[in-house]
Amino acid sequence: GGSWATASVLPAVAEATRDAIEQLKSFAIEDGPFKG
């Protein structure tokens, strides 16, 4: 309501997506072609 859902939800979703990507990176540098 109040036309604030889009402005409020998208930043949190974007930040959570980047947080998941950071965890992926941590998995990748532990082992495999990007190790270290």
PDB file of all heavy atoms in Angstrom:
ATOM      1  N   GLY A   1       0.850  -1.181   0.000  1.00  0.00           N
ATOM      2  CA  GLY A   1       0.000   0.000   0.000  1.00  0.00           C
ATOM      3  C   GLY A   1       0.882   1.226   0.000  1.00  0.00           C
ATOM      4  O   GLY A   1       2.072   1.158   0.318  1.00  0.00           O
ATOM      5  N   GLY A   2       0.319   2.354  -0.375  1.00  0.00           N
ATOM      6  CA  GLY A   2       1.097   3.580  -0.395  1.00  0.00           C
ATOM      7  C   GLY A   2       2.094   3.654  -1.528  1.00  0.00           C
ATOM      8  O   GLY A   2       2.946   4.543  -1.545  1.00  0.00           O
ATOM      9  N   SER A   3       2.020   2.721  -2.466  1.00  0.00           N
ATOM     10  CA  SER A   3       2.964   2.664  -3.595  1.00  0.00           C
ATOM     11  C   SER A   3       4.405   2.517  -3.114  1.00  0.00           C
ATOM     12  O   SER A   3       5.316   3.126  -3.662  1.00  0.00           O
ATOM     13  CB  SER A   3       2.831   3.920  -4.474  1.00  0.00           C
ATOM     14  OG  SER A   3       1.584   3.956  -5.119  1.00  0.00           O
ATOM     15  N   TRP A   4       4.618   1.690  -2.075  1.00  0.00           N
ATOM     16  CA  TRP A   4       5.985   1.542  -1.587  1.00  0.00           C
ATOM     17  C   TRP A   4       6.508   0.111  -1.674  1.00  0.00           C
ATOM     18  O   TRP A   4       7.641  -0.160  -1.289  1.00  0.00           O
ATOM     19  CB  TRP A   4       6.124   2.071  -0.174  1.00  0.00           C
ATOM     20  CG  TRP A   4       5.255   1.461   0.892  1.00  0.00           C
ATOM     21  CD1 TRP A   4       4.633   0.242   0.881  1.00  0.00           C
ATOM     22  CD2 TRP A   4       4.919   2.056   2.148  1.00  0.00           C
ATOM     23  NE1 TRP A   4       3.938   0.038   2.032  1.00  0.00           N
ATOM     24  CE2 TRP A   4       4.086   1.130   2.838  1.00  0.00           C
ATOM     25  CE3 TRP A   4       5.236   3.256   2.761  1.00  0.00           C
ATOM     26  CZ2 TRP A   4       3.564   1.385   4.109  1.00  0.00           C
ATOM     27  CZ3 TRP A   4       4.722   3.496   4.027  1.00  0.00           C
ATOM     28  CH2 TRP A   4       3.904   2.586   4.683  1.00  0.00           C
ATOM     29  N   ALA A   5       5.707  -0.838  -2.159  1.00  0.00           N
ATOM     30  CA  ALA A   5       6.148  -2.233  -2.199  1.00  0.00           C
ATOM     31  C   ALA A   5       7.346  -2.416  -3.125  1.00  0.00           C
ATOM     32  O   ALA A   5       8.354  -3.024  -2.748  1.00  0.00           O
ATOM     33  CB  ALA A   5       4.996  -3.142  -2.626  1.00  0.00           C
ATOM     34  N   THR A   6       7.263  -1.900  -4.340  1.00  0.00           N
ATOM     35  CA  THR A   6       8.363  -2.066  -5.295  1.00  0.00           C
ATOM     36  C   THR A   6       9.648  -1.439  -4.784  1.00  0.00           C
ATOM     37  O   THR A   6      10.714  -2.065  -4.797  1.00  0.00           O
ATOM     38  CB  THR A   6       7.984  -1.434  -6.649  1.00  0.00           C
ATOM     39  OG1 THR A   6       6.860  -2.130  -7.194  1.00  0.00           O
ATOM     40  CG2 THR A   6       9.143  -1.534  -7.633  1.00  0.00           C
ATOM     41  N   ALA A   7       9.562  -0.198  -4.309  1.00  0.00           N
ATOM     42  CA  ALA A   7      10.745   0.509  -3.837  1.00  0.00           C
ATOM     43  C   ALA A   7      11.354  -0.155  -2.615  1.00  0.00           C
ATOM     44  O   ALA A   7      12.555  -0.008  -2.354  1.00  0.00           O
ATOM     45  CB  ALA A   7      10.391   1.957  -3.511  1.00  0.00           C
ATOM     46  N   SER A   8      10.559  -0.902  -1.848  1.00  0.00           N
ATOM     47  CA  SER A   8      11.032  -1.534  -0.627  1.00  0.00           C
ATOM     48  C   SER A   8      11.548  -2.947  -0.862  1.00  0.00           C
ATOM     49  O   SER A   8      12.575  -3.347  -0.296  1.00  0.00           O
ATOM     50  CB  SER A   8       9.903  -1.582   0.412  1.00  0.00           C
ATOM     51  OG  SER A   8       9.383  -0.304   0.675  1.00  0.00           O
ATOM     52  N   VAL A   9      10.842  -3.718  -1.678  1.00  0.00           N
ATOM     53  CA  VAL A   9      11.165  -5.138  -1.842  1.00  0.00           C
ATOM     54  C   VAL A   9      12.382  -5.352  -2.734  1.00  0.00           C
ATOM     55  O   VAL A   9      13.258  -6.175  -2.423  1.00  0.00           O
ATOM     56  CB  VAL A   9       9.949  -5.904  -2.409  1.00  0.00           C
ATOM     57  CG1 VAL A   9      10.327  -7.338  -2.756  1.00  0.00           C
ATOM     58  CG2 VAL A   9       8.806  -5.893  -1.406  1.00  0.00           C
ATOM     59  N   LEU A  10      12.475  -4.627  -3.839  1.00  0.00           N
ATOM     60  CA  LEU A  10      13.546  -4.906  -4.803  1.00  0.00           C
ATOM     61  C   LEU A  10      14.949  -4.739  -4.227  1.00  0.00           C
ATOM     62  O   LEU A  10      15.831  -5.562  -4.504  1.00  0.00           O
ATOM     63  CB  LEU A  10      13.374  -4.037  -6.051  1.00  0.00           C
ATOM     64  CG  LEU A  10      12.142  -4.330  -6.917  1.00  0.00           C
ATOM     65  CD1 LEU A  10      12.290  -3.680  -8.290  1.00  0.00           C
ATOM     66  CD2 LEU A  10      11.889  -5.816  -7.080  1.00  0.00           C
ATOM     67  N   PRO A  11      15.236  -3.706  -3.422  1.00  0.00           N
ATOM     68  CA  PRO A  11      16.591  -3.614  -2.858  1.00  0.00           C
ATOM     69  C   PRO A  11      16.950  -4.810  -1.983  1.00  0.00           C
ATOM     70  O   PRO A  11      18.097  -5.290  -2.022  1.00  0.00           O
ATOM     71  CB  PRO A  11      16.541  -2.320  -2.038  1.00  0.00           C
ATOM     72  CG  PRO A  11      15.469  -1.510  -2.678  1.00  0.00           C
ATOM     73  CD  PRO A  11      14.444  -2.499  -3.120  1.00  0.00           C
ATOM     74  N   ALA A  12      15.998  -5.304  -1.199  1.00  0.00           N
ATOM     75  CA  ALA A  12      16.272  -6.460  -0.344  1.00  0.00           C
ATOM     76  C   ALA A  12      16.504  -7.713  -1.180  1.00  0.00           C
ATOM     77  O   ALA A  12      17.410  -8.511  -0.898  1.00  0.00           O
ATOM     78  CB  ALA A  12      15.114  -6.672   0.627  1.00  0.00           C
ATOM     79  N   VAL A  13      15.698  -7.904  -2.211  1.00  0.00           N
ATOM     80  CA  VAL A  13      15.870  -9.058  -3.090  1.00  0.00           C
ATOM     81  C   VAL A  13      17.216  -8.998  -3.801  1.00  0.00           C
ATOM     82  O   VAL A  13      17.930 -10.007  -3.914  1.00  0.00           O
ATOM     83  CB  VAL A  13      14.705  -9.134  -4.098  1.00  0.00           C
ATOM     84  CG1 VAL A  13      14.991 -10.164  -5.185  1.00  0.00           C
ATOM     85  CG2 VAL A  13      13.402  -9.456  -3.378  1.00  0.00           C
ATOM     86  N   ALA A  14      17.582  -7.825  -4.285  1.00  0.00           N
ATOM     87  CA  ALA A  14      18.864  -7.678  -4.980  1.00  0.00           C
ATOM     88  C   ALA A  14      20.036  -7.975  -4.053  1.00  0.00           C
ATOM     89  O   ALA A  14      20.991  -8.672  -4.425  1.00  0.00           O
ATOM     90  CB  ALA A  14      18.982  -6.263  -5.547  1.00  0.00           C
ATOM     91  N   GLU A  15      19.964  -7.446  -2.815  1.00  0.00           N
ATOM     92  CA  GLU A  15      21.047  -7.662  -1.858  1.00  0.00           C
ATOM     93  C   GLU A  15      21.139  -9.133  -1.465  1.00  0.00           C
ATOM     94  O   GLU A  15      22.242  -9.686  -1.322  1.00  0.00           O
ATOM     95  CB  GLU A  15      20.821  -6.796  -0.620  1.00  0.00           C
ATOM     96  CG  GLU A  15      22.041  -6.649   0.272  1.00  0.00           C
ATOM     97  CD  GLU A  15      23.197  -5.953  -0.406  1.00  0.00           C
ATOM     98  OE1 GLU A  15      22.955  -5.047  -1.229  1.00  0.00           O
ATOM     99  OE2 GLU A  15      24.348  -6.344  -0.130  1.00  0.00           O
ATOM    100  N   ALA A  16      19.999  -9.787  -1.292  1.00  0.00           N
ATOM    101  CA  ALA A  16      20.007 -11.213  -0.955  1.00  0.00           C
ATOM    102  C   ALA A  16      20.563 -12.047  -2.111  1.00  0.00           C
ATOM    103  O   ALA A  16      21.266 -13.042  -1.890  1.00  0.00           O
ATOM    104  CB  ALA A  16      18.593 -11.666  -0.609  1.00  0.00           C
ATOM    105  N   THR A  17      20.251 -11.643  -3.344  1.00  0.00           N
ATOM    106  CA  THR A  17      20.789 -12.353  -4.509  1.00  0.00           C
ATOM    107  C   THR A  17      22.302 -12.225  -4.557  1.00  0.00           C
ATOM    108  O   THR A  17      23.023 -13.209  -4.787  1.00  0.00           O
ATOM    109  CB  THR A  17      20.166 -11.796  -5.803  1.00  0.00           C
ATOM    110  OG1 THR A  17      18.745 -11.874  -5.724  1.00  0.00           O
ATOM    111  CG2 THR A  17      20.651 -12.579  -7.011  1.00  0.00           C
ATOM    112  N   ARG A  18      22.811 -11.041  -4.319  1.00  0.00           N
ATOM    113  CA  ARG A  18      24.265 -10.851  -4.303  1.00  0.00           C
ATOM    114  C   ARG A  18      24.917 -11.624  -3.160  1.00  0.00           C
ATOM    115  O   ARG A  18      26.035 -12.136  -3.290  1.00  0.00           O
ATOM    116  CB  ARG A  18      24.590  -9.361  -4.236  1.00  0.00           C
ATOM    117  CG  ARG A  18      24.333  -8.621  -5.548  1.00  0.00           C
ATOM    118  CD  ARG A  18      24.911  -7.219  -5.525  1.00  0.00           C
ATOM    119  NE  ARG A  18      24.077  -6.333  -4.724  1.00  0.00           N
ATOM    120  CZ  ARG A  18      23.142  -5.524  -5.233  1.00  0.00           C
ATOM    121  NH1 ARG A  18      22.932  -5.499  -6.543  1.00  0.00           N
ATOM    122  NH2 ARG A  18      22.433  -4.749  -4.442  1.00  0.00           N
ATOM    123  N   ASP A  19      24.199 -11.727  -2.039  1.00  0.00           N
ATOM    124  CA  ASP A  19      24.723 -12.498  -0.915  1.00  0.00           C
ATOM    125  C   ASP A  19      24.834 -13.974  -1.281  1.00  0.00           C
ATOM    126  O   ASP A  19      25.814 -14.650  -0.921  1.00  0.00           O
ATOM    127  CB  ASP A  19      23.802 -12.309   0.294  1.00  0.00           C
ATOM    128  CG  ASP A  19      24.393 -12.865   1.574  1.00  0.00           C
ATOM    129  OD1 ASP A  19      25.610 -12.681   1.800  1.00  0.00           O
ATOM    130  OD2 ASP A  19      23.654 -13.488   2.357  1.00  0.00           O
ATOM    131  N   ALA A  20      23.841 -14.496  -2.002  1.00  0.00           N
ATOM    132  CA  ALA A  20      23.904 -15.888  -2.458  1.00  0.00           C
ATOM    133  C   ALA A  20      25.054 -16.088  -3.436  1.00  0.00           C
ATOM    134  O   ALA A  20      25.742 -17.123  -3.412  1.00  0.00           O
ATOM    135  CB  ALA A  20      22.572 -16.274  -3.104  1.00  0.00           C
ATOM    136  N   ILE A  21      25.284 -15.110  -4.290  1.00  0.00           N
ATOM    137  CA  ILE A  21      26.394 -15.205  -5.250  1.00  0.00           C
ATOM    138  C   ILE A  21      27.735 -15.208  -4.516  1.00  0.00           C
ATOM    139  O   ILE A  21      28.672 -15.938  -4.893  1.00  0.00           O
ATOM    140  CB  ILE A  21      26.311 -14.055  -6.267  1.00  0.00           C
ATOM    141  CG1 ILE A  21      25.098 -14.248  -7.183  1.00  0.00           C
ATOM    142  CG2 ILE A  21      27.590 -13.943  -7.083  1.00  0.00           C
ATOM    143  CD1 ILE A  21      24.807 -13.068  -8.086  1.00  0.00           C
ATOM    144  N   GLU A  22      27.839 -14.415  -3.454  1.00  0.00           N
ATOM    145  CA  GLU A  22      29.081 -14.426  -2.665  1.00  0.00           C
ATOM    146  C   GLU A  22      29.332 -15.788  -2.051  1.00  0.00           C
ATOM    147  O   GLU A  22      30.479 -16.245  -1.958  1.00  0.00           O
ATOM    148  CB  GLU A  22      29.021 -13.345  -1.584  1.00  0.00           C
ATOM    149  CG  GLU A  22      29.146 -11.929  -2.106  1.00  0.00           C
ATOM    150  CD  GLU A  22      30.430 -11.714  -2.883  1.00  0.00           C
ATOM    151  OE1 GLU A  22      31.516 -12.060  -2.366  1.00  0.00           O
ATOM    152  OE2 GLU A  22      30.346 -11.210  -4.020  1.00  0.00           O
ATOM    153  N   GLN A  23      28.264 -16.461  -1.624  1.00  0.00           N
ATOM    154  CA  GLN A  23      28.444 -17.813  -1.088  1.00  0.00           C
ATOM    155  C   GLN A  23      28.877 -18.771  -2.189  1.00  0.00           C
ATOM    156  O   GLN A  23      29.727 -19.645  -1.974  1.00  0.00           O
ATOM    157  CB  GLN A  23      27.160 -18.314  -0.423  1.00  0.00           C
ATOM    158  CG  GLN A  23      27.370 -19.586   0.386  1.00  0.00           C
ATOM    159  CD  GLN A  23      26.143 -19.983   1.168  1.00  0.00           C
ATOM    160  OE1 GLN A  23      25.280 -20.690   0.643  1.00  0.00           O
ATOM    161  NE2 GLN A  23      26.064 -19.563   2.427  1.00  0.00           N
ATOM    162  N   LEU A  24      28.331 -18.605  -3.374  1.00  0.00           N
ATOM    163  CA  LEU A  24      28.785 -19.416  -4.512  1.00  0.00           C
ATOM    164  C   LEU A  24      30.279 -19.215  -4.757  1.00  0.00           C
ATOM    165  O   LEU A  24      31.028 -20.173  -5.004  1.00  0.00           O
ATOM    166  CB  LEU A  24      28.003 -19.032  -5.779  1.00  0.00           C
ATOM    167  CG  LEU A  24      26.657 -19.683  -6.037  1.00  0.00           C
ATOM    168  CD1 LEU A  24      26.030 -19.080  -7.290  1.00  0.00           C
ATOM    169  CD2 LEU A  24      26.789 -21.191  -6.191  1.00  0.00           C
ATOM    170  N   LYS A  25      30.718 -17.990  -4.703  1.00  0.00           N
ATOM    171  CA  LYS A  25      32.143 -17.705  -4.912  1.00  0.00           C
ATOM    172  C   LYS A  25      33.005 -18.400  -3.867  1.00  0.00           C
ATOM    173  O   LYS A  25      34.087 -18.932  -4.177  1.00  0.00           O
ATOM    174  CB  LYS A  25      32.384 -16.197  -4.885  1.00  0.00           C
ATOM    175  CG  LYS A  25      31.807 -15.441  -6.066  1.00  0.00           C
ATOM    176  CD  LYS A  25      32.100 -13.942  -5.946  1.00  0.00           C
ATOM    177  CE  LYS A  25      31.544 -13.161  -7.122  1.00  0.00           C
ATOM    178  NZ  LYS A  25      31.820 -11.705  -7.010  1.00  0.00           N
ATOM    179  N   SER A  26      32.507 -18.399  -2.609  1.00  0.00           N
ATOM    180  CA  SER A  26      33.281 -19.070  -1.565  1.00  0.00           C
ATOM    181  C   SER A  26      33.378 -20.563  -1.827  1.00  0.00           C
ATOM    182  O   SER A  26      34.409 -21.185  -1.554  1.00  0.00           O
ATOM    183  CB  SER A  26      32.649 -18.804  -0.196  1.00  0.00           C
ATOM    184  OG  SER A  26      31.423 -19.491  -0.041  1.00  0.00           O
ATOM    185  N   PHE A  27      32.307 -21.159  -2.389  1.00  0.00           N
ATOM    186  CA  PHE A  27      32.369 -22.572  -2.755  1.00  0.00           C
ATOM    187  C   PHE A  27      33.380 -22.788  -3.872  1.00  0.00           C
ATOM    188  O   PHE A  27      34.147 -23.768  -3.871  1.00  0.00           O
ATOM    189  CB  PHE A  27      30.996 -23.065  -3.218  1.00  0.00           C
ATOM    190  CG  PHE A  27      29.922 -23.035  -2.177  1.00  0.00           C
ATOM    191  CD1 PHE A  27      28.572 -22.995  -2.534  1.00  0.00           C
ATOM    192  CD2 PHE A  27      30.233 -23.053  -0.828  1.00  0.00           C
ATOM    193  CE1 PHE A  27      27.575 -22.970  -1.576  1.00  0.00           C
ATOM    194  CE2 PHE A  27      29.238 -23.023   0.145  1.00  0.00           C
ATOM    195  CZ  PHE A  27      27.909 -22.982  -0.233  1.00  0.00           C
ATOM    196  N   ALA A  28      33.390 -21.867  -4.839  1.00  0.00           N
ATOM    197  CA  ALA A  28      34.239 -22.037  -6.021  1.00  0.00           C
ATOM    198  C   ALA A  28      35.722 -21.946  -5.694  1.00  0.00           C
ATOM    199  O   ALA A  28      36.548 -22.633  -6.307  1.00  0.00           O
ATOM    200  CB  ALA A  28      33.867 -21.000  -7.078  1.00  0.00           C
ATOM    201  N   ILE A  29      36.099 -21.099  -4.748  1.00  0.00           N
ATOM    202  CA  ILE A  29      37.531 -20.938  -4.462  1.00  0.00           C
ATOM    203  C   ILE A  29      38.047 -21.973  -3.463  1.00  0.00           C
ATOM    204  O   ILE A  29      39.244 -22.063  -3.216  1.00  0.00           O
ATOM    205  CB  ILE A  29      37.823 -19.518  -3.926  1.00  0.00           C
ATOM    206  CG1 ILE A  29      37.125 -19.280  -2.577  1.00  0.00           C
ATOM    207  CG2 ILE A  29      37.424 -18.472  -4.953  1.00  0.00           C
ATOM    208  CD1 ILE A  29      37.447 -17.930  -1.967  1.00  0.00           C
ATOM    209  N   GLU A  30      37.118 -22.771  -2.899  1.00  0.00           N
ATOM    210  CA  GLU A  30      37.552 -23.845  -2.009  1.00  0.00           C
ATOM    211  C   GLU A  30      38.075 -25.039  -2.785  1.00  0.00           C
ATOM    212  O   GLU A  30      38.944 -25.775  -2.310  1.00  0.00           O
ATOM    213  CB  GLU A  30      36.387 -24.281  -1.116  1.00  0.00           C
ATOM    214  CG  GLU A  30      35.983 -23.267  -0.065  1.00  0.00           C
ATOM    215  CD  GLU A  30      34.727 -23.696   0.682  1.00  0.00           C
ATOM    216  OE1 GLU A  30      34.213 -24.796   0.387  1.00  0.00           O
ATOM    217  OE2 GLU A  30      34.258 -22.936   1.538  1.00  0.00           O
ATOM    218  N   ASP A  31      37.530 -25.243  -3.974  1.00  0.00           N
ATOM    219  CA  ASP A  31      37.912 -26.404  -4.767  1.00  0.00           C
ATOM    220  C   ASP A  31      37.550 -26.134  -6.224  1.00  0.00           C
ATOM    221  O   ASP A  31      36.811 -25.206  -6.532  1.00  0.00           O
ATOM    222  CB  ASP A  31      37.190 -27.652  -4.255  1.00  0.00           C
ATOM    223  CG  ASP A  31      37.864 -28.945  -4.706  1.00  0.00           C
ATOM    224  OD1 ASP A  31      38.924 -28.860  -5.353  1.00  0.00           O
ATOM    225  OD2 ASP A  31      37.326 -30.023  -4.408  1.00  0.00           O
ATOM    226  N   GLY A  32      38.084 -26.944  -7.127  1.00  0.00           N
ATOM    227  CA  GLY A  32      37.744 -26.811  -8.521  1.00  0.00           C
ATOM    228  C   GLY A  32      38.649 -25.854  -9.269  1.00  0.00           C
ATOM    229  O   GLY A  32      39.726 -25.464  -8.783  1.00  0.00           O
ATOM    230  N   PRO A  33      38.247 -25.433 -10.466  1.00  0.00           N
ATOM    231  CA  PRO A  33      39.117 -24.620 -11.327  1.00  0.00           C
ATOM    232  C   PRO A  33      39.459 -23.257 -10.744  1.00  0.00           C
ATOM    233  O   PRO A  33      40.441 -22.647 -11.156  1.00  0.00           O
ATOM    234  CB  PRO A  33      38.303 -24.485 -12.613  1.00  0.00           C
ATOM    235  CG  PRO A  33      36.872 -24.697 -12.203  1.00  0.00           C
ATOM    236  CD  PRO A  33      36.931 -25.712 -11.107  1.00  0.00           C
ATOM    237  N   PHE A  34      38.687 -22.758  -9.810  1.00  0.00           N
ATOM    238  CA  PHE A  34      38.951 -21.440  -9.230  1.00  0.00           C
ATOM    239  C   PHE A  34      39.542 -21.539  -7.824  1.00  0.00           C
ATOM    240  O   PHE A  34      39.534 -20.577  -7.069  1.00  0.00           O
ATOM    241  CB  PHE A  34      37.662 -20.608  -9.179  1.00  0.00           C
ATOM    242  CG  PHE A  34      37.032 -20.368 -10.529  1.00  0.00           C
ATOM    243  CD1 PHE A  34      35.659 -20.286 -10.666  1.00  0.00           C
ATOM    244  CD2 PHE A  34      37.825 -20.241 -11.675  1.00  0.00           C
ATOM    245  CE1 PHE A  34      35.074 -20.065 -11.910  1.00  0.00           C
ATOM    246  CE2 PHE A  34      37.248 -20.028 -12.915  1.00  0.00           C
ATOM    247  CZ  PHE A  34      35.877 -19.944 -13.040  1.00  0.00           C
ATOM    248  N   LYS A  35      40.039 -22.707  -7.482  1.00  0.00           N
ATOM    249  CA  LYS A  35      40.569 -22.921  -6.137  1.00  0.00           C
ATOM    250  C   LYS A  35      41.674 -21.915  -5.832  1.00  0.00           C
ATOM    251  O   LYS A  35      42.605 -21.733  -6.602  1.00  0.00           O
ATOM    252  CB  LYS A  35      41.108 -24.340  -5.990  1.00  0.00           C
ATOM    253  CG  LYS A  35      41.603 -24.667  -4.591  1.00  0.00           C
ATOM    254  CD  LYS A  35      42.043 -26.114  -4.484  1.00  0.00           C
ATOM    255  CE  LYS A  35      42.502 -26.438  -3.065  1.00  0.00           C
ATOM    256  NZ  LYS A  35      42.906 -27.862  -2.921  1.00  0.00           N
ATOM    257  N   GLY A  36      41.525 -21.249  -4.679  1.00  0.00           N
ATOM    258  CA  GLY A  36      42.532 -20.294  -4.240  1.00  0.00           C
ATOM    259  C   GLY A  36      42.436 -18.923  -4.857  1.00  0.00           C
ATOM    260  O   GLY A  36      43.227 -18.036  -4.509  1.00  0.00           O
TER     261      GLY A  36
END
